[in-house]
Amino acid sequence: MTPQKKRVLIVDDSPTALAWQRLLLQGERYETLTACDGAEGVRIATRERPDLILLDVTMPFMDGFAACRALRAAPETRDIPILMVTTHGDMANTLAGFEAGCNEYITKPLERAEYLTKVRSYLDRHFGGGA
């Protein structure tokens, strides 16, 4: 029996960022789900319960910080690892991300090896194995 692929939800309003992250993750054989804003991301995460959430900060309707707080408040999603993936790498935004409940903060532009190492780290830690 083939082990089930780990599912990663990418939440970003940039089509380019979504496509790049999907490409990286599918190359690692992860199943990807996508959302274009924070509110949609919360809805999809609640319904699909992915193994990991990659969350942009600046998005329409609900920013990443608000989405992160909503995900942490819901019993269905509170334990899913959340990695903020954003261009806002200054200390104030980084602290705001951790205060909202994220597990890790990754700045864009993405460096492939660092990005995949952090993703693998959280999936392995959460599930005790590789992809």
Protein backbone atom coordinates (compact mmCIF):
# COMPACT_ATOMS: atom_id res chain seq x y z
CA MET A 1 0.00 0.00 0.00
CA THR A 2 1.37 3.40 -1.00
CA PRO A 3 1.59 5.92 1.85
CA GLN A 4 -0.71 8.90 1.47
CA LYS A 5 0.95 12.07 0.19
CA LYS A 6 1.28 14.87 2.67
CA ARG A 7 -0.95 17.81 1.78
CA VAL A 8 0.24 21.40 1.87
CA LEU A 9 -2.06 24.43 1.60
CA ILE A 10 -0.45 27.48 -0.04
CA VAL A 11 -2.27 30.76 0.66
CA ASP A 12 -1.00 33.68 -1.44
CA ASP A 13 -2.66 36.34 -3.60
CA SER A 14 0.23 36.34 -6.10
CA PRO A 15 -0.31 33.88 -8.98
CA THR A 16 3.48 33.81 -9.51
CA ALA A 17 4.19 32.95 -5.87
CA LEU A 18 1.48 30.26 -5.91
CA ALA A 19 2.87 28.71 -9.09
CA TRP A 20 6.49 28.74 -7.85
CA GLN A 21 5.61 27.18 -4.50
CA ARG A 22 3.39 24.55 -6.14
CA LEU A 23 6.22 23.66 -8.51
CA LEU A 24 8.70 23.25 -5.64
CA LEU A 25 6.32 21.18 -3.52
CA GLN A 26 5.03 18.95 -6.30
CA GLY A 27 8.66 18.23 -7.20
CA GLU A 28 8.93 16.82 -3.68
CA ARG A 29 5.77 14.76 -4.27
CA TYR A 30 3.56 16.73 -1.89
CA GLU A 31 -0.08 17.25 -2.78
CA THR A 32 -0.86 20.98 -2.94
CA LEU A 33 -4.00 22.94 -2.26
CA THR A 34 -4.17 26.68 -2.97
CA ALA A 35 -6.10 29.73 -1.85
CA CYS A 36 -5.84 33.35 -3.07
CA ASP A 37 -6.68 35.16 0.17
CA GLY A 38 -6.71 34.57 3.90
CA ALA A 39 -10.45 34.01 4.25
CA GLU A 40 -10.44 31.37 1.51
CA GLY A 41 -7.37 29.80 3.12
CA VAL A 42 -9.16 29.46 6.46
CA ARG A 43 -12.21 27.89 4.75
CA ILE A 44 -10.08 25.39 2.80
CA ALA A 45 -7.93 24.53 5.84
CA THR A 46 -11.01 23.90 7.97
CA ARG A 47 -12.58 21.68 5.30
CA GLU A 48 -9.48 19.85 4.01
CA ARG A 49 -7.24 19.76 7.11
CA PRO A 50 -3.88 19.91 5.30
CA ASP A 51 -0.68 18.70 6.95
CA LEU A 52 1.01 22.12 6.62
CA ILE A 53 -0.08 25.67 5.76
CA LEU A 54 2.14 28.20 3.94
CA LEU A 55 0.65 31.64 4.50
CA ASP A 56 1.45 34.99 2.88
CA VAL A 57 1.00 38.15 4.98
CA THR A 58 -0.33 40.82 2.60
CA MET A 59 -3.56 39.62 0.99
CA PRO A 60 -7.05 41.00 0.30
CA PHE A 61 -10.10 40.27 2.50
CA MET A 62 -8.08 38.81 5.40
CA ASP A 63 -4.34 39.26 5.85
CA GLY A 64 -2.04 36.44 6.91
CA PHE A 65 -1.87 37.52 10.54
CA ALA A 66 -5.68 37.48 10.88
CA ALA A 67 -5.86 34.15 9.01
CA CYS A 68 -3.22 32.67 11.31
CA ARG A 69 -5.13 33.80 14.42
CA ALA A 70 -8.37 32.32 12.99
CA LEU A 71 -6.63 29.01 12.23
CA ARG A 72 -5.18 28.84 15.75
CA ALA A 73 -8.60 29.59 17.29
CA ALA A 74 -10.43 26.75 15.48
CA PRO A 75 -10.22 23.25 16.96
CA GLU A 76 -10.01 21.71 13.46
CA THR A 77 -6.88 23.66 12.50
CA ARG A 78 -5.17 24.74 15.74
CA ASP A 79 -2.47 22.04 15.56
CA ILE A 80 -1.57 22.35 11.87
CA PRO A 81 1.94 23.85 11.43
CA ILE A 82 1.82 27.30 9.80
CA LEU A 83 4.79 28.85 7.99
CA MET A 84 4.48 32.53 7.08
CA VAL A 85 6.01 33.09 3.63
CA THR A 86 6.30 36.80 2.91
CA THR A 87 8.33 39.73 1.59
CA HIS A 88 7.87 41.46 4.97
CA GLY A 89 11.00 40.21 6.72
CA ASP A 90 11.48 43.10 9.15
CA MET A 91 11.48 42.41 12.89
CA ALA A 92 8.04 43.97 13.55
CA ASN A 93 6.33 41.73 10.98
CA THR A 94 8.29 38.67 12.07
CA LEU A 95 7.22 39.22 15.69
CA ALA A 96 3.62 39.84 14.58
CA GLY A 97 3.69 36.51 12.74
CA PHE A 98 4.87 34.60 15.79
CA GLU A 99 2.38 36.45 18.01
CA ALA A 100 -0.40 35.43 15.59
CA GLY A 101 0.68 31.80 16.08
CA CYS A 102 2.90 30.85 13.15
CA ASN A 103 5.59 28.19 13.64
CA GLU A 104 8.14 29.64 11.21
CA TYR A 105 8.73 32.79 9.17
CA ILE A 106 10.27 32.56 5.67
CA THR A 107 11.08 35.66 3.62
CA LYS A 108 10.70 36.08 -0.14
CA PRO A 109 12.33 35.83 -2.55
CA LEU A 110 12.37 32.16 -1.68
CA GLU A 111 15.66 30.33 -1.59
CA ARG A 112 14.75 26.82 -2.78
CA ALA A 113 16.93 24.78 -0.39
CA GLU A 114 15.96 26.78 2.72
CA TYR A 115 12.27 26.70 1.79
CA LEU A 116 12.18 22.94 1.19
CA THR A 117 14.27 22.20 4.28
CA LYS A 118 11.82 24.13 6.49
CA VAL A 119 8.80 22.51 4.85
CA ARG A 120 10.29 19.02 5.26
CA SER A 121 11.28 19.78 8.83
CA TYR A 122 7.72 20.59 9.87
CA LEU A 123 6.15 17.72 7.95
CA ASP A 124 8.70 15.24 9.32
CA ARG A 125 8.38 16.56 12.86
CA HIS A 126 4.59 16.46 12.68
CA PHE A 127 4.41 13.00 11.07
CA GLY A 128 7.72 11.33 11.83
CA GLY A 129 8.81 10.55 8.28
CA GLY A 130 9.64 11.82 4.82
CA ALA A 131 7.36 12.61 1.88
